Amino acid sequence: MITFLIIGITSVISIAAFGNYTMMDKFIFRPTEAGRGQWYRFFTYGVLHADYTHLIFNMFTLYFFGGDIERAFKATFGGQTGVFYYLLLYVTALPVSILPTYLKQKNNNSYRGVGASGAVSAIIFAYILINPMNFMGVLFIPVWLPAFLFGTIFLLISVSLDKKQSKGINHSAHITGGLYGIAFMVTVFIAFANINLVSEFADKVKIDSIYDLIRIGY
């Protein structure tokens, strides 16, 4: 699967950069340099990570959700075209998710950014759009919610933390990436497959909710 290829490439480059300051500095997201013609930084920052914990968390999340989205694209558009749209979603989510950060920090010479979190968020919210009633949760926290509720709570918390300027985590990239993932899926599916994912999302939530109420005796 292409998901494994993304994970492999990202992991190899991230690990190589851990011990190579020159490599890290060349590809890290520096908004001042990105604005001076080094546009590649809008993409290359996504194959770098701060440490092993950061890398493992992002790649494990991509592995968990990416396979489903890759299969959804292939089932709808066929093998090669499906892979193309899947890669397009992931790759374009990198610059889109970091754009608010760039606009805010474009004159900040000290700002640095790494990580695939924005693109991974796009994949997660693409999954939520297609599977709104599948249960999701956070590792080590024994609370599982239907995906659409989890996504809603995640966005609200991210907006709150972003306003508080929580250090070390780019919450705006998570928010922007997640919303972009939804927008990309809705646009591509309706434009090239005549499938209205918003309507399907609403039907799944409504039907499954009614079924659950009946099943538990209400």
Protein backbone atom coordinates (compact mmCIF):
# COMPACT_ATOMS: atom_id res chain seq x y z
CA MET A 1 0.00 0.00 0.00
CA ILE A 2 1.05 3.58 -0.61
CA THR A 3 0.42 4.28 3.07
CA PHE A 4 3.36 2.02 3.94
CA LEU A 5 5.53 3.84 1.39
CA ILE A 6 4.71 7.22 2.98
CA ILE A 7 5.44 5.84 6.43
CA GLY A 8 8.71 4.29 5.24
CA ILE A 9 10.01 7.41 3.48
CA THR A 10 9.00 9.69 6.36
CA SER A 11 10.57 7.40 8.97
CA VAL A 12 13.87 6.99 7.11
CA ILE A 13 14.30 10.73 6.49
CA SER A 14 13.20 11.70 10.01
CA ILE A 15 15.60 9.26 11.67
CA ALA A 16 18.45 10.34 9.38
CA ALA A 17 17.80 13.98 10.29
CA PHE A 18 17.81 13.33 14.05
CA GLY A 19 21.58 13.18 14.02
CA ASN A 20 22.21 15.56 11.15
CA TYR A 21 21.76 19.24 11.99
CA THR A 22 22.59 20.35 8.44
CA MET A 23 19.88 18.12 6.97
CA MET A 24 17.35 19.19 9.58
CA ASP A 25 18.08 22.87 9.01
CA LYS A 26 17.84 22.52 5.24
CA PHE A 27 14.38 20.93 5.20
CA ILE A 28 12.71 22.25 8.37
CA PHE A 29 9.86 24.75 8.00
CA ARG A 30 11.28 28.23 8.39
CA PRO A 31 8.64 30.76 7.29
CA THR A 32 11.14 33.53 6.61
CA GLU A 33 13.11 31.27 4.26
CA ALA A 34 9.97 29.79 2.69
CA GLY A 35 8.89 33.32 1.85
CA ARG A 36 12.23 33.99 0.14
CA GLY A 37 11.80 31.36 -2.54
CA GLN A 38 12.53 28.17 -0.61
CA TRP A 39 8.99 26.94 -1.28
CA TYR A 40 10.04 23.31 -0.90
CA ARG A 41 9.97 23.83 2.88
CA PHE A 42 6.15 23.81 2.69
CA PHE A 43 6.51 20.10 1.89
CA THR A 44 9.80 18.86 3.33
CA TYR A 45 8.97 19.79 6.92
CA GLY A 46 6.42 16.97 6.82
CA VAL A 47 9.09 14.27 6.57
CA LEU A 48 10.92 15.61 9.63
CA HIS A 49 9.99 15.10 13.29
CA ALA A 50 11.17 16.47 16.60
CA ASP A 51 11.97 13.08 18.14
CA TYR A 52 11.07 9.38 18.04
CA THR A 53 7.89 9.87 20.08
CA HIS A 54 6.65 12.51 17.64
CA LEU A 55 7.51 10.30 14.65
CA ILE A 56 5.98 7.11 16.06
CA PHE A 57 2.74 8.81 17.09
CA ASN A 58 2.22 10.39 13.66
CA MET A 59 3.15 7.29 11.69
CA PHE A 60 1.10 4.96 13.87
CA THR A 61 -1.91 7.24 13.40
CA LEU A 62 -1.33 7.35 9.64
CA TYR A 63 -1.07 3.55 9.56
CA PHE A 64 -4.30 3.18 11.53
CA PHE A 65 -6.42 5.51 9.38
CA GLY A 66 -4.54 5.83 6.09
CA GLY A 67 -5.21 2.30 4.90
CA ASP A 68 -8.97 2.82 5.06
CA ILE A 69 -8.81 6.06 3.08
CA GLU A 70 -6.46 4.56 0.51
CA ARG A 71 -8.86 1.64 0.02
CA ALA A 72 -11.83 4.03 -0.25
CA PHE A 73 -10.11 5.95 -3.04
CA LYS A 74 -9.15 2.76 -4.88
CA ALA A 75 -12.65 1.28 -4.55
CA THR A 76 -14.23 4.44 -5.94
CA PHE A 77 -11.75 5.51 -8.62
CA GLY A 78 -9.80 2.35 -9.40
CA GLY A 79 -6.23 1.43 -8.48
CA GLN A 80 -4.01 4.01 -10.17
CA THR A 81 -6.43 6.92 -10.04
CA GLY A 82 -7.32 6.12 -6.44
CA VAL A 83 -3.65 6.12 -5.45
CA PHE A 84 -3.18 9.45 -7.24
CA TYR A 85 -6.04 11.11 -5.33
CA TYR A 86 -4.87 9.64 -2.04
CA LEU A 87 -1.33 10.92 -2.54
CA LEU A 88 -2.70 14.26 -3.71
CA LEU A 89 -4.71 14.59 -0.49
CA TYR A 90 -1.71 13.82 1.72
CA VAL A 91 0.87 15.88 -0.16
CA THR A 92 -1.30 18.98 -0.63
CA ALA A 93 -2.40 18.84 3.01
CA LEU A 94 1.18 19.63 4.03
CA PRO A 95 1.35 23.18 2.60
CA VAL A 96 -2.33 23.89 3.23
CA SER A 97 -2.16 22.93 6.92
CA ILE A 98 0.96 25.04 7.55
CA LEU A 99 -0.34 28.09 5.65
CA PRO A 100 -1.97 29.80 8.70
CA THR A 101 1.31 29.35 10.57
CA TYR A 102 3.25 30.84 7.68
CA LEU A 103 0.96 33.88 7.52
CA LYS A 104 1.31 34.41 11.26
CA GLN A 105 5.04 33.72 11.56
CA LYS A 106 6.37 34.88 8.18
CA ASN A 107 8.50 37.59 9.78
CA ASN A 108 9.63 35.48 12.73
CA ASN A 109 13.24 34.42 12.12
CA SER A 110 13.27 32.11 15.13
CA TYR A 111 10.21 30.01 14.22
CA ARG A 112 10.79 26.37 13.25
CA GLY A 113 8.22 23.71 12.40
CA VAL A 114 8.38 19.96 11.77
CA GLY A 115 5.99 17.04 11.58
CA ALA A 116 3.36 15.41 9.41
CA SER A 117 0.55 16.21 11.87
CA GLY A 118 -1.35 18.49 9.48
CA ALA A 119 -1.41 15.89 6.70
CA VAL A 120 -2.24 13.12 9.17
CA SER A 121 -5.13 15.22 10.49
CA ALA A 122 -6.43 15.47 6.92
CA ILE A 123 -6.43 11.67 6.72
CA ILE A 124 -8.14 11.32 10.12
CA PHE A 125 -10.96 13.68 9.19
CA ALA A 126 -11.34 12.04 5.80
CA TYR A 127 -11.86 8.82 7.76
CA ILE A 128 -14.40 10.51 10.05
CA LEU A 129 -16.34 11.76 7.02
CA ILE A 130 -16.59 8.26 5.56
CA ASN A 131 -16.99 6.34 8.83
CA PRO A 132 -18.77 8.75 11.20
CA MET A 133 -20.15 6.05 13.49
CA ASN A 134 -16.97 4.02 13.91
CA PHE A 135 -15.60 4.41 17.41
CA MET A 136 -12.44 6.41 18.03
CA GLY A 137 -10.44 7.32 21.10
CA VAL A 138 -7.09 8.49 22.36
CA LEU A 139 -4.35 6.01 23.27
CA PHE A 140 -4.36 5.02 26.94
CA ILE A 141 -7.60 6.94 27.62
CA PRO A 142 -10.51 4.48 28.06
CA VAL A 143 -13.12 6.73 26.41
CA TRP A 144 -14.38 5.80 22.95
CA LEU A 145 -16.80 7.95 20.98
CA PRO A 146 -18.43 7.78 17.55
CA ALA A 147 -15.95 9.27 15.09
CA PHE A 148 -18.03 12.35 14.28
CA LEU A 149 -18.29 13.26 17.99
CA PHE A 150 -14.60 12.60 18.55
CA GLY A 151 -13.74 14.84 15.60
CA THR A 152 -16.00 17.63 16.83
CA ILE A 153 -14.52 17.55 20.33
CA PHE A 154 -11.00 17.38 18.91
CA LEU A 155 -11.58 20.50 16.82
CA LEU A 156 -13.10 22.44 19.71
CA ILE A 157 -10.20 21.54 22.01
CA SER A 158 -7.66 22.39 19.30
CA VAL A 159 -9.26 25.81 18.73
CA SER A 160 -9.15 26.49 22.47
CA LEU A 161 -5.51 25.42 22.80
CA ASP A 162 -4.53 27.39 19.71
CA LYS A 163 -6.00 30.55 21.25
CA LYS A 164 -3.95 29.90 24.39
CA GLN A 165 -0.81 29.56 22.26
CA SER A 166 0.06 26.17 23.74
CA LYS A 167 3.78 25.70 23.08
CA GLY A 168 5.29 22.79 21.23
CA ILE A 169 2.18 21.72 19.30
CA ASN A 170 0.91 23.43 16.17
CA HIS A 171 -2.83 23.20 16.83
CA SER A 172 -3.69 25.44 13.89
CA ALA A 173 -2.10 22.86 11.55
CA HIS A 174 -4.32 20.15 13.06
CA ILE A 175 -7.42 22.29 12.58
CA THR A 176 -6.58 23.41 9.06
CA GLY A 177 -5.44 19.95 8.01
CA GLY A 178 -8.60 18.32 9.34
CA LEU A 179 -10.92 20.78 7.61
CA TYR A 180 -8.92 20.48 4.40
CA GLY A 181 -9.24 16.68 4.51
CA ILE A 182 -13.03 17.01 4.62
CA ALA A 183 -13.12 19.65 1.88
CA PHE A 184 -10.82 17.62 -0.38
CA MET A 185 -12.86 14.44 -0.02
CA VAL A 186 -16.20 16.17 -0.60
CA THR A 187 -14.90 18.02 -3.68
CA VAL A 188 -13.14 15.09 -5.35
CA PHE A 189 -15.91 12.55 -4.75
CA ILE A 190 -18.70 14.78 -5.99
CA ALA A 191 -16.71 16.17 -8.94
CA PHE A 192 -15.25 12.93 -10.28
CA ALA A 193 -17.53 10.18 -8.94
CA ASN A 194 -20.84 12.03 -8.44
CA ILE A 195 -20.90 10.84 -4.83
CA ASN A 196 -22.18 13.25 -2.20
CA LEU A 197 -20.21 12.36 0.92
CA VAL A 198 -21.97 15.01 3.00
CA SER A 199 -25.35 13.41 2.29
CA GLU A 200 -23.94 9.94 2.99
CA PHE A 201 -22.41 11.20 6.23
CA ALA A 202 -25.76 12.59 7.39
CA ASP A 203 -27.57 9.36 6.48
CA LYS A 204 -25.05 7.18 8.33
CA VAL A 205 -25.23 9.27 11.47
CA LYS A 206 -29.04 9.38 11.42
CA ILE A 207 -29.61 5.72 10.56
CA ASP A 208 -26.98 4.34 12.92
CA SER A 209 -28.16 6.56 15.78
CA ILE A 210 -31.74 5.37 15.40
CA TYR A 211 -30.54 1.76 15.22
CA ASP A 212 -28.52 2.15 18.42
CA LEU A 213 -31.48 3.63 20.27
CA ILE A 214 -33.69 0.71 19.21
CA ARG A 215 -30.98 -1.84 20.07
CA ILE A 216 -30.57 -0.60 23.65
CA GLY A 217 -34.30 -0.55 24.26
CA TYR A 218 -35.39 3.06 23.84
